[in-house]
Amino acid sequence: MLNRRSFFASTASLGATLALGADRQETSSTSHHKRIKLGIATYSYWHFKTEKVPIETVIEKAAEIGVEGLDILHRQMDIPEKEPLTAGHRAYLQRLKRHAFHNGIAPVCLSIHQNFVQQDPAERQKQVEHTHKCLEIAYELACLASGSTQAAGTPSRTSTIS
């Protein structure tokens, strides 16, 4: 049987428990800050004067240092730059994505290069087709594509360091 004294005791205990729990939740939510997620570009491992560094190796290095995202340089992939995508190329992209996933790395961006500053319409069309191919690659990797345009007649990055 519930009497007045036991009713007040149990409701006071319940009220104190709820108040303490609410205070604990409020403290943990206000002291928790979103942390900054970092990514690395495969270009950081570019092979300026040495052997080409596979993207798989960059994924493993990124995982070792605790980076969560990867900006992949298209030219660094084991896919011919100017050829259409084949089933074999798509299989390579799936292996790359799976390798990144198993290492806790998210492909966040595909860096592509094109040169739309061409007088010849056929040459501009080749750049458009290359861009479409890169968008397909980004789709296969489930990431964004970003591009840089090189103006006609300007030296490429690799020619400036040789």
Protein backbone atom coordinates (compact mmCIF):
# COMPACT_ATOMS: atom_id res chain seq x y z
CA MET A 1 0.00 0.00 0.00
CA LEU A 2 1.29 3.42 -0.96
CA ASN A 3 1.07 5.97 1.82
CA ARG A 4 1.88 9.65 1.72
CA ARG A 5 5.40 9.24 3.14
CA SER A 6 6.44 6.50 0.65
CA PHE A 7 4.88 8.47 -2.25
CA PHE A 8 6.98 11.58 -1.44
CA ALA A 9 10.12 9.49 -0.91
CA SER A 10 9.79 7.69 -4.23
CA THR A 11 8.92 10.82 -6.22
CA ALA A 12 11.80 12.73 -4.60
CA SER A 13 14.19 9.93 -5.54
CA LEU A 14 12.82 9.83 -9.07
CA GLY A 15 13.12 13.61 -9.39
CA ALA A 16 16.72 13.61 -8.15
CA THR A 17 17.64 10.77 -10.53
CA LEU A 18 16.14 12.59 -13.50
CA ALA A 19 17.80 15.86 -12.54
CA LEU A 20 21.22 14.23 -12.20
CA GLY A 21 20.80 12.37 -15.50
CA ALA A 22 19.71 15.52 -17.32
CA ASP A 23 22.67 17.40 -15.88
CA ARG A 24 25.05 14.67 -17.05
CA GLN A 25 23.59 14.72 -20.59
CA GLU A 26 23.76 18.51 -20.73
CA THR A 27 27.38 18.53 -19.60
CA SER A 28 28.46 15.89 -22.11
CA SER A 29 26.70 17.57 -25.03
CA THR A 30 28.11 21.03 -24.28
CA SER A 31 31.67 19.81 -23.71
CA HIS A 32 31.74 17.70 -26.92
CA HIS A 33 33.13 19.57 -29.91
CA LYS A 34 33.07 18.34 -33.47
CA ARG A 35 36.54 17.40 -34.48
CA ILE A 36 38.06 18.42 -37.76
CA LYS A 37 38.40 15.59 -40.26
CA LEU A 38 41.56 15.71 -42.33
CA GLY A 39 42.29 14.45 -45.80
CA ILE A 40 45.41 14.11 -47.89
CA ALA A 41 45.99 14.40 -51.62
CA THR A 42 47.65 11.54 -53.46
CA TYR A 43 49.56 14.33 -55.20
CA SER A 44 51.48 14.67 -51.93
CA TYR A 45 53.11 11.37 -52.88
CA TRP A 46 53.62 12.30 -56.54
CA HIS A 47 56.69 10.78 -58.18
CA PHE A 48 58.45 13.92 -59.42
CA LYS A 49 61.82 12.26 -59.98
CA THR A 50 61.29 8.74 -58.65
CA GLU A 51 59.12 5.71 -59.32
CA LYS A 52 55.33 6.17 -59.38
CA VAL A 53 53.69 5.69 -55.97
CA PRO A 54 50.55 3.51 -56.24
CA ILE A 55 47.35 4.99 -54.82
CA GLU A 56 46.97 1.86 -52.71
CA THR A 57 50.21 2.79 -50.94
CA VAL A 58 48.94 6.33 -50.35
CA ILE A 59 45.74 4.90 -48.85
CA GLU A 60 47.80 2.78 -46.45
CA LYS A 61 50.05 5.72 -45.50
CA ALA A 62 47.00 7.92 -44.91
CA ALA A 63 45.49 5.29 -42.62
CA GLU A 64 48.76 5.02 -40.69
CA ILE A 65 48.80 8.74 -39.88
CA GLY A 66 45.07 8.87 -39.04
CA VAL A 67 43.81 10.80 -42.04
CA GLU A 68 40.20 10.04 -42.98
CA GLY A 69 39.83 11.40 -46.51
CA LEU A 70 41.70 11.13 -49.78
CA ASP A 71 41.88 13.49 -52.75
CA ILE A 72 42.88 11.25 -55.66
CA LEU A 73 44.87 12.64 -58.57
CA HIS A 74 43.47 11.07 -61.74
CA ARG A 75 46.85 11.05 -63.47
CA GLN A 76 48.26 8.93 -60.66
CA MET A 77 45.79 6.07 -61.23
CA ASP A 78 46.57 2.85 -63.04
CA ILE A 79 44.13 3.86 -65.78
CA PRO A 80 45.20 5.29 -69.14
CA GLU A 81 44.43 8.99 -69.00
CA LYS A 82 42.93 9.48 -72.46
CA GLU A 83 41.28 6.12 -73.19
CA PRO A 84 37.59 5.38 -72.52
CA LEU A 85 36.73 3.48 -69.33
CA THR A 86 36.60 -0.27 -69.76
CA ALA A 87 35.20 -3.01 -67.54
CA GLY A 88 38.77 -3.66 -66.37
CA HIS A 89 39.20 0.00 -65.41
CA ARG A 90 35.91 -0.08 -63.48
CA ALA A 91 37.06 -3.23 -61.64
CA TYR A 92 40.28 -1.40 -60.70
CA LEU A 93 38.21 1.51 -59.34
CA GLN A 94 36.09 -0.87 -57.27
CA ARG A 95 39.25 -2.51 -55.85
CA LEU A 96 40.60 0.94 -55.01
CA LYS A 97 37.36 1.95 -53.28
CA ARG A 98 37.25 -1.34 -51.35
CA HIS A 99 40.91 -0.93 -50.29
CA ALA A 100 40.16 2.59 -49.04
CA PHE A 101 37.09 1.37 -47.15
CA HIS A 102 39.02 -1.46 -45.47
CA ASN A 103 41.63 1.09 -44.33
CA GLY A 104 39.05 3.56 -43.00
CA ILE A 105 39.71 6.09 -45.76
CA ALA A 106 36.99 7.89 -47.71
CA PRO A 107 37.69 9.00 -51.28
CA VAL A 108 36.41 12.57 -51.08
CA CYS A 109 37.65 14.14 -54.28
CA LEU A 110 39.03 13.27 -57.71
CA SER A 111 41.43 15.88 -59.04
CA ILE A 112 41.23 16.14 -62.80
CA HIS A 113 43.01 18.31 -65.33
CA GLN A 114 41.76 19.66 -68.59
CA ASN A 115 42.53 22.45 -70.99
CA PHE A 116 39.45 24.01 -72.54
CA VAL A 117 41.47 26.96 -73.81
CA GLN A 118 41.95 25.52 -77.29
CA GLN A 119 41.36 27.22 -80.63
CA ASP A 120 40.65 23.93 -82.36
CA PRO A 121 37.07 22.75 -81.63
CA ALA A 122 38.15 19.10 -82.00
CA GLU A 123 40.79 19.57 -79.27
CA ARG A 124 38.22 21.23 -76.98
CA GLN A 125 35.88 18.30 -77.62
CA LYS A 126 38.62 15.87 -76.51
CA GLN A 127 38.84 17.82 -73.24
CA VAL A 128 35.06 17.61 -72.79
CA GLU A 129 35.17 13.84 -73.36
CA HIS A 130 38.03 13.52 -70.89
CA THR A 131 35.99 15.46 -68.33
CA HIS A 132 33.01 13.12 -68.86
CA LYS A 133 35.32 10.14 -68.29
CA CYS A 134 36.61 11.70 -65.06
CA LEU A 135 33.05 12.29 -63.87
CA GLU A 136 32.39 8.58 -64.45
CA ILE A 137 35.50 7.74 -62.42
CA ALA A 138 34.32 10.02 -59.59
CA TYR A 139 30.92 8.32 -59.70
CA GLU A 140 32.56 4.87 -59.46
CA LEU A 141 34.59 6.05 -56.44
CA ALA A 142 31.56 7.79 -54.89
CA CYS A 143 33.38 11.11 -54.58
CA LEU A 144 33.36 14.61 -56.02
CA ALA A 145 35.35 15.69 -59.05
CA SER A 146 37.30 18.94 -59.11
CA GLY A 147 39.26 20.23 -62.02
CA SER A 148 41.93 22.68 -62.88
CA THR A 149 42.26 24.27 -66.26
CA GLN A 150 45.62 25.00 -67.74
CA ALA A 151 45.70 27.87 -70.19
CA ALA A 152 47.14 27.12 -73.60
CA GLY A 153 50.83 27.89 -73.81
CA THR A 154 51.52 27.80 -70.07
CA PRO A 155 54.06 25.27 -68.83
CA SER A 156 52.78 22.28 -66.92
CA ARG A 157 53.82 21.70 -63.30
CA THR A 158 56.13 18.85 -64.26
CA SER A 159 57.98 20.93 -66.84
CA THR A 160 58.63 23.70 -64.31
CA ILE A 161 60.49 21.39 -61.91
CA SER A 162 62.71 19.57 -64.40
